[in-house]
Amino acid sequence: MILEQKYQALLQEARQRQLNDPEGIQLCFQTLSLASQIDNDCARLLAPYGLSEGRFVMLFLLDAAGEGLAPNELAERAGVTRATVTGLLDSLEREALIERQAAKQDRRALRIQLTDKGRQTAKQVFDSHSRWIASLFGSLSTTEREQLAILLNKVSTGLNQSEKEISQ
């Protein structure tokens, strides 16, 4: 695996300074490089549809909801602020992928729904995106996938523990 240039430089400096656990440092930089590569590939694959990751998430959530969602529900489910959702919805509305409608029970409240174009785009993107995501780990056996999941969880647990110790 090729590390991003910045991580190569940092790793070289860590080795020169004889910092503790250079192998751990390298694993961290490999993980960051892989995450960056996945993120860049994701952006490249969504770009032909005029979507960012945030816009993709909105389409996904709205498609799953069927009858639509209120903006605050979208924000909560996506784990972003209402202001962020508003910006994402504005751009999706400009592309005619969603529409804002008054809620049936309370005309003051909004429900966000996919348009026909939005549903069609969602289906195309979900089909291609799910194939891409599956291909990321397609070369791993079931056992390797299970091992990777265990190891990632173990690193995550260690990270959470480190955060707690630092904040005390």
Protein backbone atom coordinates (compact mmCIF):
# COMPACT_ATOMS: atom_id res chain seq x y z
CA MET A 1 0.00 0.00 0.00
CA ILE A 2 1.30 3.43 -0.92
CA LEU A 3 0.98 5.99 1.84
CA GLU A 4 0.00 9.53 0.99
CA GLN A 5 3.09 11.72 0.69
CA LYS A 6 2.35 13.62 3.91
CA TYR A 7 2.17 10.35 5.85
CA GLN A 8 5.39 9.08 4.30
CA ALA A 9 7.13 12.25 5.46
CA LEU A 10 5.66 12.00 8.96
CA LEU A 11 6.55 8.32 9.25
CA GLN A 12 10.11 8.99 8.15
CA GLU A 13 10.40 11.76 10.75
CA ALA A 14 8.92 9.49 13.45
CA ARG A 15 11.53 6.84 12.67
CA GLN A 16 14.34 9.39 12.70
CA ARG A 17 13.18 10.64 16.11
CA GLN A 18 12.89 7.02 17.26
CA LEU A 19 9.32 7.52 18.48
CA ASN A 20 7.57 4.64 20.20
CA ASP A 21 5.79 2.07 18.06
CA PRO A 22 6.65 3.09 14.48
CA GLU A 23 4.66 0.07 13.26
CA GLY A 24 1.55 1.44 15.01
CA ILE A 25 2.20 4.86 13.49
CA GLN A 26 2.49 3.25 10.06
CA LEU A 27 -0.79 1.33 10.56
CA CYS A 28 -2.51 4.57 11.53
CA PHE A 29 -1.20 6.28 8.39
CA GLN A 30 -2.20 3.29 6.25
CA THR A 31 -5.72 3.48 7.67
CA LEU A 32 -5.90 7.22 7.03
CA SER A 33 -4.58 6.77 3.48
CA LEU A 34 -7.11 4.01 2.78
CA ALA A 35 -9.96 6.10 4.18
CA SER A 36 -8.89 9.03 2.01
CA GLN A 37 -8.70 6.81 -1.07
CA ILE A 38 -12.19 5.41 -0.39
CA ASP A 39 -13.53 8.93 0.18
CA ASN A 40 -11.97 10.19 -3.07
CA ASP A 41 -13.30 7.22 -5.06
CA CYS A 42 -16.74 7.75 -3.54
CA ALA A 43 -16.73 11.40 -4.59
CA ARG A 44 -15.56 10.46 -8.10
CA LEU A 45 -18.34 7.87 -8.47
CA LEU A 46 -21.07 10.21 -7.21
CA ALA A 47 -19.94 13.18 -9.33
CA PRO A 48 -21.57 12.00 -12.60
CA TYR A 49 -24.92 12.09 -10.80
CA GLY A 50 -24.25 15.59 -9.50
CA LEU A 51 -24.11 14.26 -5.95
CA SER A 52 -21.84 14.78 -3.00
CA GLU A 53 -21.77 12.31 -0.13
CA GLY A 54 -24.15 14.54 1.83
CA ARG A 55 -26.64 14.77 -1.04
CA PHE A 56 -26.37 11.00 -1.54
CA VAL A 57 -27.22 10.43 2.13
CA MET A 58 -30.29 12.66 1.81
CA LEU A 59 -31.50 10.69 -1.23
CA PHE A 60 -30.88 7.42 0.57
CA LEU A 61 -32.80 8.47 3.67
CA LEU A 62 -35.69 9.90 1.66
CA ASP A 63 -35.91 6.82 -0.54
CA ALA A 64 -36.03 4.59 2.53
CA ALA A 65 -38.70 6.76 4.19
CA GLY A 66 -41.13 6.50 1.29
CA GLU A 67 -43.70 9.02 2.56
CA GLY A 68 -41.06 11.67 3.17
CA LEU A 69 -39.39 13.16 6.21
CA ALA A 70 -39.31 16.48 7.98
CA PRO A 71 -36.03 18.41 7.68
CA ASN A 72 -35.28 17.98 11.40
CA GLU A 73 -35.76 14.19 11.04
CA LEU A 74 -33.34 14.16 8.12
CA ALA A 75 -30.79 16.12 10.16
CA GLU A 76 -31.11 13.72 13.08
CA ARG A 77 -30.87 10.57 10.95
CA ALA A 78 -27.91 11.92 8.97
CA GLY A 79 -26.14 13.21 12.07
CA VAL A 80 -25.78 16.74 10.72
CA THR A 81 -27.11 20.16 11.66
CA ARG A 82 -30.40 21.54 10.40
CA ALA A 83 -28.45 24.25 8.59
CA THR A 84 -26.47 21.59 6.72
CA VAL A 85 -29.68 19.78 5.77
CA THR A 86 -31.21 23.03 4.52
CA GLY A 87 -28.25 23.59 2.18
CA LEU A 88 -28.37 20.01 0.92
CA LEU A 89 -32.11 20.18 0.36
CA ASP A 90 -31.82 23.52 -1.47
CA SER A 91 -29.35 22.00 -3.92
CA LEU A 92 -31.42 18.83 -4.38
CA GLU A 93 -34.53 20.94 -4.99
CA ARG A 94 -32.70 23.01 -7.64
CA GLU A 95 -31.93 19.74 -9.43
CA ALA A 96 -35.62 18.71 -9.13
CA LEU A 97 -34.66 15.60 -7.11
CA ILE A 98 -36.81 16.51 -4.11
CA GLU A 99 -39.83 18.61 -3.33
CA ARG A 100 -40.91 20.33 -0.16
CA GLN A 101 -44.57 19.81 0.71
CA ALA A 102 -46.74 20.92 3.59
CA ALA A 103 -47.39 18.07 6.01
CA LYS A 104 -50.96 16.76 5.92
CA GLN A 105 -51.48 16.94 9.68
CA ASP A 106 -49.86 20.38 10.12
CA ARG A 107 -49.73 22.67 7.07
CA ARG A 108 -47.00 24.73 8.76
CA ALA A 109 -44.66 21.72 8.87
CA LEU A 110 -42.68 20.52 5.86
CA ARG A 111 -42.25 17.02 4.48
CA ILE A 112 -39.45 16.36 2.04
CA GLN A 113 -40.14 13.81 -0.68
CA LEU A 114 -38.29 12.52 -3.69
CA THR A 115 -39.61 13.51 -7.09
CA ASP A 116 -39.89 10.93 -9.85
CA LYS A 117 -36.50 12.14 -11.09
CA GLY A 118 -35.15 11.80 -7.54
CA ARG A 119 -36.42 8.22 -7.22
CA GLN A 120 -34.93 7.31 -10.60
CA THR A 121 -31.58 8.91 -9.70
CA ALA A 122 -31.63 7.21 -6.30
CA LYS A 123 -32.16 3.79 -7.89
CA GLN A 124 -29.31 4.29 -10.37
CA VAL A 125 -26.93 5.58 -7.73
CA PHE A 126 -27.83 2.91 -5.15
CA ASP A 127 -27.34 0.11 -7.66
CA SER A 128 -23.92 1.31 -8.80
CA HIS A 129 -22.83 2.44 -5.34
CA SER A 130 -23.75 -0.84 -3.66
CA ARG A 131 -21.74 -2.75 -6.30
CA TRP A 132 -18.76 -0.47 -5.66
CA ILE A 133 -19.01 -0.83 -1.89
CA ALA A 134 -19.25 -4.63 -2.22
CA SER A 135 -16.17 -4.63 -4.45
CA LEU A 136 -14.08 -2.86 -1.78
CA PHE A 137 -14.00 -6.01 0.32
CA GLY A 138 -14.71 -8.51 -2.44
CA SER A 139 -11.21 -9.95 -2.28
CA LEU A 140 -11.59 -10.83 1.41
CA SER A 141 -12.94 -14.18 2.51
CA THR A 142 -15.73 -14.34 5.05
CA THR A 143 -13.19 -15.18 7.74
CA GLU A 144 -10.98 -12.25 6.75
CA ARG A 145 -13.95 -9.89 6.82
CA GLU A 146 -14.85 -11.10 10.30
CA GLN A 147 -11.24 -10.67 11.44
CA LEU A 148 -11.08 -7.18 9.96
CA ALA A 149 -14.32 -6.20 11.69
CA ILE A 150 -12.97 -7.48 15.02
CA LEU A 151 -9.69 -5.61 14.57
CA LEU A 152 -11.40 -2.37 13.55
CA ASN A 153 -13.69 -2.61 16.58
CA LYS A 154 -10.67 -3.24 18.80
CA VAL A 155 -8.90 -0.13 17.46
CA SER A 156 -12.10 1.89 17.89
CA THR A 157 -12.46 0.72 21.48
CA GLY A 158 -8.85 1.71 22.14
CA LEU A 159 -9.46 5.11 20.59
CA ASN A 160 -12.54 5.68 22.74
CA GLN A 161 -10.60 4.65 25.84
CA SER A 162 -7.75 7.04 24.94
CA GLU A 163 -10.24 9.90 24.52
CA LYS A 164 -11.68 9.21 27.98
CA GLU A 165 -8.21 9.16 29.57
CA ILE A 166 -7.21 12.41 27.88
CA SER A 167 -10.39 14.20 28.98
CA GLN A 168 -9.90 13.24 32.65
